[in-house]
Amino acid sequence: MDFSARTVISPDPNIGIDELIMPITMAKELTFPEAVNAQNLHKMKKMLLNGPDSYPGANYLLKENGQRFILAYGNRRYSKYTRQLMEDLKVGDVLLRHLLQNDVVLFNRQPSLHRMSMMAHRIRVMEWNTLRFNECVCTPYNADFDGDEMNIHVPQTWESKAEALVLMKVQENLITPKNGEPIIALTQDFLTTSFLITNKDNFYNRQNFCLICSYF
């Protein structure tokens, strides 16, 4: 499908609970239709020139008159055809650009048993091949890291992105409707580590102390 993706999940405790690390190969396949305006015209021209292979780029161009151009063919940087497209880019055209930092996606794990089986995350585009998120958010998804796969769905309008953030953002789903208990919280590894590093018999030199503080 055009606007969804699926791969194995892995943990990353160094990101926020509402963040999701997406592989760059995935971000180059999934697109969001962004309209060209006076403020982003320069950025859109640069993305058009980058095309589908260079990140951040774009895969398609939709002209205001309804024409659709596929950017996967030809050498965009030196092609007169593509140069002309870039120079003719004007306010009102729509560029199907790659997903960028802080774009909103819906994150889902089957079986979807309750409302928190699908929530909205902001993405960070990085290397490697797995979807990474904070372990605190495992419980609502009933996820673990023994080979589980999860799905991404990309909202295609600004309105749907805003609605996802208002209704489905992780911070809006901290408490389960079942009994009012917090469902997104520190568990297991976090609590064990907190106990170990604050044990009264532990002493740290300045270097290790500063290192621990930097993690917080």
C-alpha atoms as a PDB file:
ATOM      1  CA  MET A   1       0.000   0.000   0.000  1.00  0.00           C
ATOM      2  CA  ASP A   2       1.136   3.568  -0.630  1.00  0.00           C
ATOM      3  CA  PHE A   3       0.947   5.160   2.788  1.00  0.00           C
ATOM      4  CA  SER A   4       1.715   2.414   5.282  1.00  0.00           C
ATOM      5  CA  ALA A   5       4.731   0.335   6.235  1.00  0.00           C
ATOM      6  CA  ARG A   6       5.595  -2.637   8.418  1.00  0.00           C
ATOM      7  CA  THR A   7       8.777  -3.928  10.008  1.00  0.00           C
ATOM      8  CA  VAL A   8      10.309  -5.322  13.206  1.00  0.00           C
ATOM      9  CA  ILE A   9      10.364  -3.163  16.358  1.00  0.00           C
ATOM     10  CA  SER A  10      13.241  -2.558  18.760  1.00  0.00           C
ATOM     11  CA  PRO A  11      13.705  -0.463  21.944  1.00  0.00           C
ATOM     12  CA  ASP A  12      15.329   2.945  22.348  1.00  0.00           C
ATOM     13  CA  PRO A  13      15.172   4.463  25.859  1.00  0.00           C
ATOM     14  CA  ASN A  14      16.818   7.711  24.720  1.00  0.00           C
ATOM     15  CA  ILE A  15      13.762   9.122  22.919  1.00  0.00           C
ATOM     16  CA  GLY A  16      10.492  10.582  24.171  1.00  0.00           C
ATOM     17  CA  ILE A  17       7.413   8.442  24.718  1.00  0.00           C
ATOM     18  CA  ASP A  18       5.696  10.181  21.787  1.00  0.00           C
ATOM     19  CA  GLU A  19       8.616   9.703  19.388  1.00  0.00           C
ATOM     20  CA  LEU A  20       9.206   6.945  16.856  1.00  0.00           C
ATOM     21  CA  ILE A  21      12.469   6.321  15.020  1.00  0.00           C
ATOM     22  CA  MET A  22      11.829   5.472  11.363  1.00  0.00           C
ATOM     23  CA  PRO A  23      14.445   3.972   9.004  1.00  0.00           C
ATOM     24  CA  ILE A  24      15.516   6.405   6.294  1.00  0.00           C
ATOM     25  CA  THR A  25      14.674   3.834   3.588  1.00  0.00           C
ATOM     26  CA  MET A  26      11.068   3.850   4.824  1.00  0.00           C
ATOM     27  CA  ALA A  27      10.914   7.649   5.012  1.00  0.00           C
ATOM     28  CA  LYS A  28      11.948   7.824   1.342  1.00  0.00           C
ATOM     29  CA  GLU A  29       9.098   5.547   0.247  1.00  0.00           C
ATOM     30  CA  LEU A  30       6.292   7.124   2.290  1.00  0.00           C
ATOM     31  CA  THR A  31       5.174  10.595   1.221  1.00  0.00           C
ATOM     32  CA  PHE A  32       3.085  13.518   2.423  1.00  0.00           C
ATOM     33  CA  PRO A  33       1.442  15.953  -0.048  1.00  0.00           C
ATOM     34  CA  GLU A  34       2.692  19.424   0.859  1.00  0.00           C
ATOM     35  CA  ALA A  35       1.389  22.424  -1.039  1.00  0.00           C
ATOM     36  CA  VAL A  36       3.932  24.927  -2.324  1.00  0.00           C
ATOM     37  CA  ASN A  37       3.609  28.392  -0.769  1.00  0.00           C
ATOM     38  CA  ALA A  38       5.724  31.543  -0.612  1.00  0.00           C
ATOM     39  CA  GLN A  39       7.401  30.430   2.622  1.00  0.00           C
ATOM     40  CA  ASN A  40       8.481  26.925   1.537  1.00  0.00           C
ATOM     41  CA  LEU A  41       9.120  27.522  -2.191  1.00  0.00           C
ATOM     42  CA  HIS A  42      12.914  27.333  -1.879  1.00  0.00           C
ATOM     43  CA  LYS A  43      12.743  24.163   0.234  1.00  0.00           C
ATOM     44  CA  MET A  44      10.295  22.519  -2.189  1.00  0.00           C
ATOM     45  CA  LYS A  45      12.561  23.288  -5.168  1.00  0.00           C
ATOM     46  CA  LYS A  46      15.489  21.651  -3.389  1.00  0.00           C
ATOM     47  CA  MET A  47      13.401  18.544  -2.591  1.00  0.00           C
ATOM     48  CA  LEU A  48      12.195  18.327  -6.189  1.00  0.00           C
ATOM     49  CA  LEU A  49      15.803  18.421  -7.362  1.00  0.00           C
ATOM     50  CA  ASN A  50      16.799  15.690  -4.881  1.00  0.00           C
ATOM     51  CA  GLY A  51      14.045  13.417  -6.225  1.00  0.00           C
ATOM     52  CA  PRO A  52      13.277   9.993  -4.716  1.00  0.00           C
ATOM     53  CA  ASP A  53      16.880   8.847  -4.196  1.00  0.00           C
ATOM     54  CA  SER A  54      18.415  11.675  -2.132  1.00  0.00           C
ATOM     55  CA  TYR A  55      16.925  12.414   1.287  1.00  0.00           C
ATOM     56  CA  PRO A  56      15.092  14.676   1.888  1.00  0.00           C
ATOM     57  CA  GLY A  57      13.469  14.607  -1.528  1.00  0.00           C
ATOM     58  CA  ALA A  58      10.185  13.936  -3.282  1.00  0.00           C
ATOM     59  CA  ASN A  59       8.591  11.202  -5.399  1.00  0.00           C
ATOM     60  CA  TYR A  60       5.845  12.989  -7.342  1.00  0.00           C
ATOM     61  CA  LEU A  61       4.802  16.472  -8.412  1.00  0.00           C
ATOM     62  CA  LEU A  62       1.150  17.434  -8.854  1.00  0.00           C
ATOM     63  CA  LYS A  63       0.650  20.619 -10.879  1.00  0.00           C
ATOM     64  CA  GLU A  64      -2.227  22.946 -10.199  1.00  0.00           C
ATOM     65  CA  ASN A  65      -3.731  22.051 -13.596  1.00  0.00           C
ATOM     66  CA  GLY A  66      -3.945  18.343 -12.647  1.00  0.00           C
ATOM     67  CA  GLN A  67      -0.774  17.073 -14.360  1.00  0.00           C
ATOM     68  CA  ARG A  68       1.216  14.467 -12.428  1.00  0.00           C
ATOM     69  CA  PHE A  69       4.988  14.050 -12.828  1.00  0.00           C
ATOM     70  CA  ILE A  70       6.952  11.022 -11.591  1.00  0.00           C
ATOM     71  CA  LEU A  71      10.399  12.125 -10.381  1.00  0.00           C
ATOM     72  CA  ALA A  72      11.995   8.658 -10.410  1.00  0.00           C
ATOM     73  CA  TYR A  73      13.214   8.874 -14.009  1.00  0.00           C
ATOM     74  CA  GLY A  74      16.008  10.847 -15.601  1.00  0.00           C
ATOM     75  CA  ASN A  75      18.922  12.685 -14.039  1.00  0.00           C
ATOM     76  CA  ARG A  76      17.109  15.447 -12.188  1.00  0.00           C
ATOM     77  CA  ARG A  77      20.200  17.485 -11.374  1.00  0.00           C
ATOM     78  CA  TYR A  78      21.312  17.888 -14.989  1.00  0.00           C
ATOM     79  CA  SER A  79      18.158  17.144 -16.983  1.00  0.00           C
ATOM     80  CA  LYS A  80      16.716  20.149 -18.804  1.00  0.00           C
ATOM     81  CA  TYR A  81      13.283  18.594 -18.264  1.00  0.00           C
ATOM     82  CA  THR A  82      13.673  18.504 -14.484  1.00  0.00           C
ATOM     83  CA  ARG A  83      15.359  21.893 -14.338  1.00  0.00           C
ATOM     84  CA  GLN A  84      12.341  23.241 -16.178  1.00  0.00           C
ATOM     85  CA  LEU A  85      10.015  21.558 -13.662  1.00  0.00           C
ATOM     86  CA  MET A  86      11.936  23.158 -10.803  1.00  0.00           C
ATOM     87  CA  GLU A  87      11.943  26.597 -12.391  1.00  0.00           C
ATOM     88  CA  ASP A  88       8.222  26.314 -13.196  1.00  0.00           C
ATOM     89  CA  LEU A  89       7.345  25.276  -9.621  1.00  0.00           C
ATOM     90  CA  LYS A  90       4.894  27.823  -8.285  1.00  0.00           C
ATOM     91  CA  VAL A  91       2.528  28.472  -5.401  1.00  0.00           C
ATOM     92  CA  GLY A  92      -0.417  26.060  -5.584  1.00  0.00           C
ATOM     93  CA  ASP A  93       1.521  23.043  -6.863  1.00  0.00           C
ATOM     94  CA  VAL A  94       1.706  19.998  -4.569  1.00  0.00           C
ATOM     95  CA  LEU A  95       4.883  18.022  -3.925  1.00  0.00           C
ATOM     96  CA  LEU A  96       4.628  14.485  -2.536  1.00  0.00           C
ATOM     97  CA  ARG A  97       7.706  14.822  -0.340  1.00  0.00           C
ATOM     98  CA  HIS A  98       9.556  12.335   1.847  1.00  0.00           C
ATOM     99  CA  LEU A  99       8.584  12.130   5.509  1.00  0.00           C
ATOM    100  CA  LEU A 100      10.566  14.555   7.647  1.00  0.00           C
ATOM    101  CA  GLN A 101      11.471  14.994  11.293  1.00  0.00           C
ATOM    102  CA  ASN A 102       8.364  15.519  13.495  1.00  0.00           C
ATOM    103  CA  ASP A 103       5.882  14.347  10.855  1.00  0.00           C
ATOM    104  CA  VAL A 104       2.912  12.607  12.463  1.00  0.00           C
ATOM    105  CA  VAL A 105       2.192   8.901  11.877  1.00  0.00           C
ATOM    106  CA  LEU A 106      -0.195   6.373  13.366  1.00  0.00           C
ATOM    107  CA  PHE A 107       1.508   3.394  15.010  1.00  0.00           C
ATOM    108  CA  ASN A 108      -0.380   0.111  15.343  1.00  0.00           C
ATOM    109  CA  ARG A 109       0.218  -3.450  16.520  1.00  0.00           C
ATOM    110  CA  GLN A 110      -2.065  -6.374  15.830  1.00  0.00           C
ATOM    111  CA  PRO A 111      -4.205  -7.653  17.371  1.00  0.00           C
ATOM    112  CA  SER A 112      -5.841  -4.256  17.935  1.00  0.00           C
ATOM    113  CA  LEU A 113      -7.724  -5.076  21.115  1.00  0.00           C
ATOM    114  CA  HIS A 114      -8.434  -1.625  22.552  1.00  0.00           C
ATOM    115  CA  ARG A 115      -8.167   2.079  21.782  1.00  0.00           C
ATOM    116  CA  MET A 116      -4.471   2.296  22.685  1.00  0.00           C
ATOM    117  CA  SER A 117      -3.527  -0.345  20.113  1.00  0.00           C
ATOM    118  CA  MET A 118      -3.166   2.549  17.657  1.00  0.00           C
ATOM    119  CA  MET A 119      -1.636   5.870  18.710  1.00  0.00           C
ATOM    120  CA  ALA A 120      -0.022   8.901  17.076  1.00  0.00           C
ATOM    121  CA  HIS A 121       3.760   9.424  17.219  1.00  0.00           C
ATOM    122  CA  ARG A 122       6.153  12.050  15.887  1.00  0.00           C
ATOM    123  CA  ILE A 123       8.915  10.503  13.805  1.00  0.00           C
ATOM    124  CA  ARG A 124      12.675  10.867  13.854  1.00  0.00           C
ATOM    125  CA  VAL A 125      14.369   9.662  10.667  1.00  0.00           C
ATOM    126  CA  MET A 126      17.568   7.702  11.333  1.00  0.00           C
ATOM    127  CA  GLU A 127      19.668   4.858   9.951  1.00  0.00           C
ATOM    128  CA  TRP A 128      19.192   1.079  10.452  1.00  0.00           C
ATOM    129  CA  ASN A 129      16.187  -1.034   9.592  1.00  0.00           C
ATOM    130  CA  THR A 130      13.834  -1.315  12.568  1.00  0.00           C
ATOM    131  CA  LEU A 131      11.125   0.896  14.051  1.00  0.00           C
ATOM    132  CA  ARG A 132      12.337   2.056  17.464  1.00  0.00           C
ATOM    133  CA  PHE A 133      10.304   3.510  20.326  1.00  0.00           C
ATOM    134  CA  ASN A 134      10.483   4.010  24.082  1.00  0.00           C
ATOM    135  CA  GLU A 135       9.922   0.896  26.216  1.00  0.00           C
ATOM    136  CA  CYS A 136       7.447   2.776  28.426  1.00  0.00           C
ATOM    137  CA  VAL A 137       4.913   2.531  25.578  1.00  0.00           C
ATOM    138  CA  CYS A 138       5.100  -1.262  25.293  1.00  0.00           C
ATOM    139  CA  THR A 139       2.130  -2.011  27.579  1.00  0.00           C
ATOM    140  CA  PRO A 140      -0.702  -0.401  25.550  1.00  0.00           C
ATOM    141  CA  TYR A 141       0.580  -2.119  22.402  1.00  0.00           C
ATOM    142  CA  ASN A 142       1.191  -5.377  24.308  1.00  0.00           C
ATOM    143  CA  ALA A 143       4.561  -5.329  22.513  1.00  0.00           C
ATOM    144  CA  ASP A 144       7.898  -6.916  23.270  1.00  0.00           C
ATOM    145  CA  PHE A 145      11.123  -7.171  21.328  1.00  0.00           C
ATOM    146  CA  ASP A 146      11.363 -10.840  20.392  1.00  0.00           C
ATOM    147  CA  GLY A 147      10.604 -10.245  16.716  1.00  0.00           C
ATOM    148  CA  ASP A 148       7.264  -8.411  16.917  1.00  0.00           C
ATOM    149  CA  GLU A 149       6.298  -6.387  13.863  1.00  0.00           C
ATOM    150  CA  MET A 150       4.280  -3.168  13.915  1.00  0.00           C
ATOM    151  CA  ASN A 151       2.617  -0.968  11.322  1.00  0.00           C
ATOM    152  CA  ILE A 152       2.836   2.698  10.360  1.00  0.00           C
ATOM    153  CA  HIS A 153       0.027   4.631   8.666  1.00  0.00           C
ATOM    154  CA  VAL A 154       0.675   8.139   7.327  1.00  0.00           C
ATOM    155  CA  PRO A 155      -2.171  10.713   7.524  1.00  0.00           C
ATOM    156  CA  GLN A 156      -2.451  12.529   4.206  1.00  0.00           C
ATOM    157  CA  THR A 157      -3.941  15.899   5.204  1.00  0.00           C
ATOM    158  CA  TRP A 158      -3.049  18.568   7.751  1.00  0.00           C
ATOM    159  CA  GLU A 159      -6.497  18.124   9.299  1.00  0.00           C
ATOM    160  CA  SER A 160      -5.997  14.400   9.884  1.00  0.00           C
ATOM    161  CA  LYS A 161      -2.541  15.050  11.372  1.00  0.00           C
ATOM    162  CA  ALA A 162      -4.030  17.603  13.770  1.00  0.00           C
ATOM    163  CA  GLU A 163      -6.868  15.244  14.702  1.00  0.00           C
ATOM    164  CA  ALA A 164      -4.388  12.430  15.358  1.00  0.00           C
ATOM    165  CA  LEU A 165      -2.365  14.665  17.692  1.00  0.00           C
ATOM    166  CA  VAL A 166      -5.433  15.842  19.604  1.00  0.00           C
ATOM    167  CA  LEU A 167      -7.107  12.447  20.014  1.00  0.00           C
ATOM    168  CA  MET A 168      -4.436   9.776  19.565  1.00  0.00           C
ATOM    169  CA  LYS A 169      -1.179  11.268  20.847  1.00  0.00           C
ATOM    170  CA  VAL A 170       0.586   9.079  23.420  1.00  0.00           C
ATOM    171  CA  GLN A 171       0.267  11.779  26.102  1.00  0.00           C
ATOM    172  CA  GLU A 172      -3.521  11.722  25.620  1.00  0.00           C
ATOM    173  CA  ASN A 173      -3.642   7.983  26.366  1.00  0.00           C
ATOM    174  CA  LEU A 174      -1.608   7.625  29.567  1.00  0.00           C
ATOM    175  CA  ILE A 175      -4.570   6.184  31.496  1.00  0.00           C
ATOM    176  CA  THR A 176      -6.510   3.086  30.462  1.00  0.00           C
ATOM    177  CA  PRO A 177     -10.307   3.463  30.167  1.00  0.00           C
ATOM    178  CA  LYS A 178     -10.673  -0.020  31.685  1.00  0.00           C
ATOM    179  CA  ASN A 179      -9.983   1.002  35.281  1.00  0.00           C
ATOM    180  CA  GLY A 180      -8.315   4.437  35.267  1.00  0.00           C
ATOM    181  CA  GLU A 181      -4.821   3.130  35.997  1.00  0.00           C
ATOM    182  CA  PRO A 182      -1.746   4.506  34.231  1.00  0.00           C
ATOM    183  CA  ILE A 183      -0.845   2.226  31.325  1.00  0.00           C
ATOM    184  CA  ILE A 184       2.263   4.108  30.117  1.00  0.00           C
ATOM    185  CA  ALA A 185       4.814   4.160  32.931  1.00  0.00           C
ATOM    186  CA  LEU A 186       8.285   3.104  34.023  1.00  0.00           C
ATOM    187  CA  THR A 187       8.480  -0.677  34.343  1.00  0.00           C
ATOM    188  CA  GLN A 188      11.013  -3.490  34.628  1.00  0.00           C
ATOM    189  CA  ASP A 189      14.423  -2.308  33.335  1.00  0.00           C
ATOM    190  CA  PHE A 190      13.873   1.327  34.350  1.00  0.00           C
ATOM    191  CA  LEU A 191      12.936   0.464  37.922  1.00  0.00           C
ATOM    192  CA  THR A 192      15.765  -2.051  38.294  1.00  0.00           C
ATOM    193  CA  THR A 193      18.306   0.472  37.021  1.00  0.00           C
ATOM    194  CA  SER A 194      16.962   3.229  39.269  1.00  0.00           C
ATOM    195  CA  PHE A 195      17.339   0.906  42.259  1.00  0.00           C
ATOM    196  CA  LEU A 196      20.873  -0.113  41.318  1.00  0.00           C
ATOM    197  CA  ILE A 197      22.296   3.352  40.643  1.00  0.00           C
ATOM    198  CA  THR A 198      20.766   4.858  43.808  1.00  0.00           C
ATOM    199  CA  ASN A 199      21.853   2.038  46.119  1.00  0.00           C
ATOM    200  CA  LYS A 200      23.541   3.479  49.203  1.00  0.00           C
ATOM    201  CA  ASP A 201      26.611   1.272  48.634  1.00  0.00           C
ATOM    202  CA  ASN A 202      27.260   2.713  45.157  1.00  0.00           C
ATOM    203  CA  PHE A 203      29.880   5.423  44.752  1.00  0.00           C
ATOM    204  CA  TYR A 204      30.688   7.172  41.471  1.00  0.00           C
ATOM    205  CA  ASN A 205      33.637   9.243  40.338  1.00  0.00           C
ATOM    206  CA  ARG A 206      32.988  12.582  38.642  1.00  0.00           C
ATOM    207  CA  GLN A 207      33.165  11.115  35.119  1.00  0.00           C
ATOM    208  CA  ASN A 208      30.562   8.391  35.746  1.00  0.00           C
ATOM    209  CA  PHE A 209      28.313  10.764  37.691  1.00  0.00           C
ATOM    210  CA  CYS A 210      28.294  13.275  34.812  1.00  0.00           C
ATOM    211  CA  LEU A 211      27.643  10.449  32.340  1.00  0.00           C
ATOM    212  CA  ILE A 212      24.567   9.302  34.312  1.00  0.00           C
ATOM    213  CA  CYS A 213      23.320  12.894  34.564  1.00  0.00           C
ATOM    214  CA  SER A 214      23.667  13.323  30.795  1.00  0.00           C
ATOM    215  CA  TYR A 215      21.319  10.359  30.255  1.00  0.00           C
ATOM    216  CA  PHE A 216      18.630  12.109  32.286  1.00  0.00           C
END
